[in-house]
């Protein structure tokens, strides 16, 4: 793990499995495709994880601090390559 950031419990954009709030975590890490597959597999088996997304970013962006929660990000998630999630 390079960087892990806990954004705390927040209201979800929409209800998921009858949950209206969830804890948001962001983890930047380096790994192979196998690493990503194994992490996603463990996320699917963990009943406490109701939603996740894996996004591939460029190496130079890895570990950089994310914008403060009250600031608008410079780029949207649509600008990044999606690897998987549910």
N, C-alpha and C. Protein backbone atom coordinates (compact mmCIF):
# COMPACT_ATOMS: atom_id res chain seq x y z
N UNK A 1 0.85 -1.17 0.00
CA UNK A 1 0.00 0.00 0.00
C UNK A 1 0.90 1.23 0.00
N UNK A 2 0.63 2.16 -0.87
CA UNK A 2 1.40 3.39 -0.91
C UNK A 2 0.75 4.46 -0.04
N UNK A 3 -0.56 4.68 -0.22
CA UNK A 3 -1.29 5.69 0.55
C UNK A 3 -2.70 5.16 0.83
N UNK A 4 -3.16 5.31 2.06
CA UNK A 4 -4.54 4.99 2.40
C UNK A 4 -5.14 6.21 3.08
N UNK A 5 -6.33 6.58 2.67
CA UNK A 5 -6.99 7.74 3.25
C UNK A 5 -8.43 7.36 3.61
N UNK A 6 -8.82 7.60 4.86
CA UNK A 6 -10.16 7.31 5.32
C UNK A 6 -10.96 8.61 5.32
N UNK A 7 -11.98 8.68 4.48
CA UNK A 7 -12.80 9.89 4.40
C UNK A 7 -13.97 9.84 5.37
N UNK A 8 -14.11 8.76 6.11
CA UNK A 8 -15.15 8.65 7.12
C UNK A 8 -16.50 8.25 6.56
N UNK A 9 -17.48 8.28 7.43
CA UNK A 9 -18.84 7.86 7.08
C UNK A 9 -19.57 9.03 6.41
N UNK A 10 -20.14 8.73 5.25
CA UNK A 10 -20.84 9.76 4.47
C UNK A 10 -22.14 9.18 3.90
N UNK A 11 -23.02 10.07 3.53
CA UNK A 11 -24.27 9.67 2.87
C UNK A 11 -23.93 9.15 1.48
N UNK A 12 -24.49 8.01 1.12
CA UNK A 12 -24.29 7.45 -0.22
C UNK A 12 -25.12 8.22 -1.24
N UNK A 13 -24.69 8.22 -2.48
CA UNK A 13 -25.41 8.91 -3.55
C UNK A 13 -26.78 8.26 -3.75
N UNK A 14 -26.85 6.96 -3.52
CA UNK A 14 -28.11 6.23 -3.59
C UNK A 14 -28.02 5.05 -2.64
N UNK A 15 -29.17 4.55 -2.24
CA UNK A 15 -29.23 3.45 -1.29
C UNK A 15 -28.65 2.17 -1.90
N UNK A 16 -27.80 1.47 -1.15
CA UNK A 16 -27.21 0.22 -1.59
C UNK A 16 -27.46 -0.82 -0.49
N UNK A 17 -28.14 -1.91 -0.83
CA UNK A 17 -28.47 -2.96 0.14
C UNK A 17 -29.11 -2.37 1.40
N UNK A 18 -30.03 -1.46 1.20
CA UNK A 18 -30.79 -0.80 2.26
C UNK A 18 -29.92 0.08 3.16
N UNK A 19 -28.70 0.37 2.74
CA UNK A 19 -27.80 1.25 3.49
C UNK A 19 -27.84 2.64 2.87
N UNK A 20 -27.95 3.67 3.72
CA UNK A 20 -27.97 5.05 3.24
C UNK A 20 -26.64 5.75 3.47
N UNK A 21 -25.80 5.19 4.35
CA UNK A 21 -24.49 5.76 4.64
C UNK A 21 -23.43 4.68 4.49
N UNK A 22 -22.22 5.11 4.19
CA UNK A 22 -21.11 4.17 4.07
C UNK A 22 -19.80 4.87 4.41
N UNK A 23 -18.79 4.08 4.74
CA UNK A 23 -17.47 4.61 5.03
C UNK A 23 -16.66 4.61 3.75
N UNK A 24 -16.12 5.75 3.39
CA UNK A 24 -15.34 5.91 2.16
C UNK A 24 -13.86 5.77 2.47
N UNK A 25 -13.18 4.86 1.77
CA UNK A 25 -11.74 4.67 1.89
C UNK A 25 -11.12 4.78 0.52
N UNK A 26 -9.96 5.39 0.45
CA UNK A 26 -9.22 5.49 -0.81
C UNK A 26 -7.84 4.89 -0.57
N UNK A 27 -7.45 3.96 -1.43
CA UNK A 27 -6.14 3.31 -1.28
C UNK A 27 -5.40 3.38 -2.61
N UNK A 28 -4.22 3.97 -2.60
CA UNK A 28 -3.34 3.98 -3.77
C UNK A 28 -2.33 2.86 -3.54
N UNK A 29 -2.12 2.01 -4.54
CA UNK A 29 -1.14 0.94 -4.40
C UNK A 29 -0.56 0.58 -5.75
N UNK A 30 0.58 -0.08 -5.72
CA UNK A 30 1.19 -0.61 -6.93
C UNK A 30 1.00 -2.12 -6.92
N UNK A 31 0.72 -2.67 -8.09
CA UNK A 31 0.57 -4.12 -8.16
C UNK A 31 0.32 -4.56 -9.58
N UNK A 32 0.35 -5.86 -9.77
CA UNK A 32 0.10 -6.46 -11.08
C UNK A 32 -1.40 -6.69 -11.25
N UNK A 33 -1.77 -7.15 -12.42
CA UNK A 33 -3.17 -7.50 -12.67
C UNK A 33 -3.65 -8.58 -11.72
N UNK A 34 -2.75 -9.48 -11.36
CA UNK A 34 -3.08 -10.55 -10.41
C UNK A 34 -3.39 -9.96 -9.04
N UNK A 35 -2.64 -8.96 -8.63
CA UNK A 35 -2.86 -8.29 -7.35
C UNK A 35 -4.25 -7.67 -7.32
N UNK A 36 -4.60 -6.98 -8.39
CA UNK A 36 -5.92 -6.34 -8.48
C UNK A 36 -7.02 -7.39 -8.43
N UNK A 37 -6.86 -8.48 -9.18
CA UNK A 37 -7.86 -9.55 -9.19
C UNK A 37 -8.06 -10.14 -7.80
N UNK A 38 -6.98 -10.39 -7.08
CA UNK A 38 -7.07 -10.96 -5.74
C UNK A 38 -7.73 -9.98 -4.76
N UNK A 39 -7.38 -8.70 -4.86
CA UNK A 39 -8.02 -7.70 -3.99
C UNK A 39 -9.52 -7.63 -4.26
N UNK A 40 -9.90 -7.57 -5.54
CA UNK A 40 -11.32 -7.48 -5.88
C UNK A 40 -12.06 -8.74 -5.44
N UNK A 41 -11.42 -9.89 -5.54
CA UNK A 41 -12.04 -11.14 -5.09
C UNK A 41 -12.31 -11.07 -3.60
N UNK A 42 -11.33 -10.60 -2.83
CA UNK A 42 -11.52 -10.51 -1.37
C UNK A 42 -12.59 -9.47 -1.03
N UNK A 43 -12.68 -8.38 -1.81
CA UNK A 43 -13.72 -7.37 -1.58
C UNK A 43 -15.11 -7.98 -1.80
N UNK A 44 -15.25 -8.80 -2.83
CA UNK A 44 -16.55 -9.42 -3.13
C UNK A 44 -16.97 -10.39 -2.03
N UNK A 45 -16.01 -11.04 -1.40
CA UNK A 45 -16.31 -12.02 -0.34
C UNK A 45 -16.59 -11.36 1.00
N UNK A 46 -16.14 -10.14 1.19
CA UNK A 46 -16.31 -9.41 2.45
C UNK A 46 -17.68 -8.74 2.45
N UNK A 47 -18.58 -9.21 3.30
CA UNK A 47 -19.95 -8.68 3.33
C UNK A 47 -20.03 -7.24 3.82
N UNK A 48 -18.99 -6.74 4.49
CA UNK A 48 -19.02 -5.36 4.97
C UNK A 48 -18.71 -4.37 3.85
N UNK A 49 -18.17 -4.85 2.73
CA UNK A 49 -17.89 -3.98 1.57
C UNK A 49 -19.08 -4.09 0.62
N UNK A 50 -19.82 -2.99 0.50
CA UNK A 50 -21.02 -3.03 -0.34
C UNK A 50 -20.78 -2.47 -1.74
N UNK A 51 -19.69 -1.74 -1.94
CA UNK A 51 -19.39 -1.15 -3.23
C UNK A 51 -17.91 -0.84 -3.29
N UNK A 52 -17.31 -1.00 -4.47
CA UNK A 52 -15.92 -0.61 -4.66
C UNK A 52 -15.67 -0.34 -6.13
N UNK A 53 -14.60 0.38 -6.39
CA UNK A 53 -14.19 0.63 -7.77
C UNK A 53 -12.66 0.63 -7.78
N UNK A 54 -12.10 0.04 -8.81
CA UNK A 54 -10.65 0.03 -8.99
C UNK A 54 -10.34 0.86 -10.22
N UNK A 55 -9.43 1.81 -10.08
CA UNK A 55 -9.09 2.72 -11.17
C UNK A 55 -7.59 2.71 -11.37
N UNK A 56 -7.17 2.54 -12.61
CA UNK A 56 -5.74 2.57 -12.92
C UNK A 56 -5.33 4.02 -13.14
N UNK A 57 -4.24 4.43 -12.46
CA UNK A 57 -3.72 5.77 -12.65
C UNK A 57 -2.26 5.68 -13.07
N UNK A 58 -1.73 6.76 -13.58
CA UNK A 58 -0.34 6.80 -14.01
C UNK A 58 0.59 6.74 -12.80
N UNK A 59 1.77 6.16 -12.98
CA UNK A 59 2.73 6.03 -11.88
C UNK A 59 3.05 7.36 -11.22
N UNK A 60 3.15 8.43 -11.99
CA UNK A 60 3.50 9.72 -11.41
C UNK A 60 2.39 10.27 -10.51
N UNK A 61 1.16 9.76 -10.62
CA UNK A 61 0.05 10.19 -9.78
C UNK A 61 -0.07 9.35 -8.51
N UNK A 62 0.58 8.19 -8.48
CA UNK A 62 0.48 7.27 -7.36
C UNK A 62 1.00 7.90 -6.08
N UNK A 63 0.16 7.89 -5.04
CA UNK A 63 0.56 8.40 -3.74
C UNK A 63 0.40 9.90 -3.57
N UNK A 64 0.00 10.61 -4.60
CA UNK A 64 -0.20 12.06 -4.45
C UNK A 64 -1.47 12.30 -3.65
N UNK A 65 -1.43 13.35 -2.88
CA UNK A 65 -2.58 13.68 -2.03
C UNK A 65 -3.77 14.04 -2.90
N UNK A 66 -4.91 13.55 -2.50
CA UNK A 66 -6.15 13.84 -3.21
C UNK A 66 -6.63 15.23 -2.81
N UNK A 67 -7.48 15.86 -3.62
CA UNK A 67 -8.00 17.18 -3.25
C UNK A 67 -8.82 17.10 -1.97
N UNK A 68 -8.83 18.17 -1.21
CA UNK A 68 -9.66 18.22 0.01
C UNK A 68 -11.10 17.97 -0.38
N UNK A 69 -11.85 17.41 0.53
CA UNK A 69 -13.23 17.02 0.22
C UNK A 69 -14.11 18.19 -0.20
N UNK A 70 -13.76 19.41 0.21
CA UNK A 70 -14.58 20.57 -0.16
C UNK A 70 -14.09 21.23 -1.45
N UNK A 71 -12.98 20.71 -2.02
CA UNK A 71 -12.47 21.24 -3.29
C UNK A 71 -12.95 20.36 -4.44
N UNK A 72 -13.05 20.96 -5.61
CA UNK A 72 -13.41 20.18 -6.80
C UNK A 72 -12.14 19.54 -7.37
N UNK A 73 -12.21 18.25 -7.74
CA UNK A 73 -11.02 17.63 -8.32
C UNK A 73 -10.69 18.24 -9.67
N UNK A 74 -9.41 18.20 -10.03
CA UNK A 74 -8.96 18.76 -11.30
C UNK A 74 -9.51 17.97 -12.46
N UNK A 75 -9.52 16.64 -12.34
CA UNK A 75 -10.07 15.79 -13.40
C UNK A 75 -11.14 14.88 -12.81
N UNK A 76 -12.02 14.41 -13.66
CA UNK A 76 -13.08 13.53 -13.20
C UNK A 76 -12.63 12.08 -13.33
N UNK A 77 -13.39 11.18 -12.71
CA UNK A 77 -13.09 9.76 -12.83
C UNK A 77 -13.24 9.28 -14.26
N UNK A 78 -14.01 9.98 -15.07
CA UNK A 78 -14.18 9.59 -16.47
C UNK A 78 -12.88 9.74 -17.26
N UNK A 79 -11.96 10.57 -16.76
CA UNK A 79 -10.67 10.77 -17.43
C UNK A 79 -9.70 9.63 -17.13
N UNK A 80 -10.05 8.76 -16.19
CA UNK A 80 -9.16 7.68 -15.79
C UNK A 80 -9.66 6.36 -16.35
N UNK A 81 -8.77 5.42 -16.49
CA UNK A 81 -9.10 4.11 -17.05
C UNK A 81 -9.69 3.23 -15.94
N UNK A 82 -10.92 2.75 -16.11
CA UNK A 82 -11.57 1.91 -15.12
C UNK A 82 -11.11 0.47 -15.31
N UNK A 83 -10.78 -0.19 -14.20
CA UNK A 83 -10.32 -1.57 -14.27
C UNK A 83 -11.42 -2.52 -13.87
N UNK A 84 -12.28 -2.15 -12.94
CA UNK A 84 -13.36 -3.04 -12.51
C UNK A 84 -14.05 -2.49 -11.30
N UNK A 85 -14.96 -3.27 -10.74
CA UNK A 85 -15.68 -2.87 -9.55
C UNK A 85 -17.08 -3.37 -9.58
N UNK A 86 -17.81 -3.02 -8.55
CA UNK A 86 -19.22 -3.38 -8.53
C UNK A 86 -20.03 -2.35 -7.86
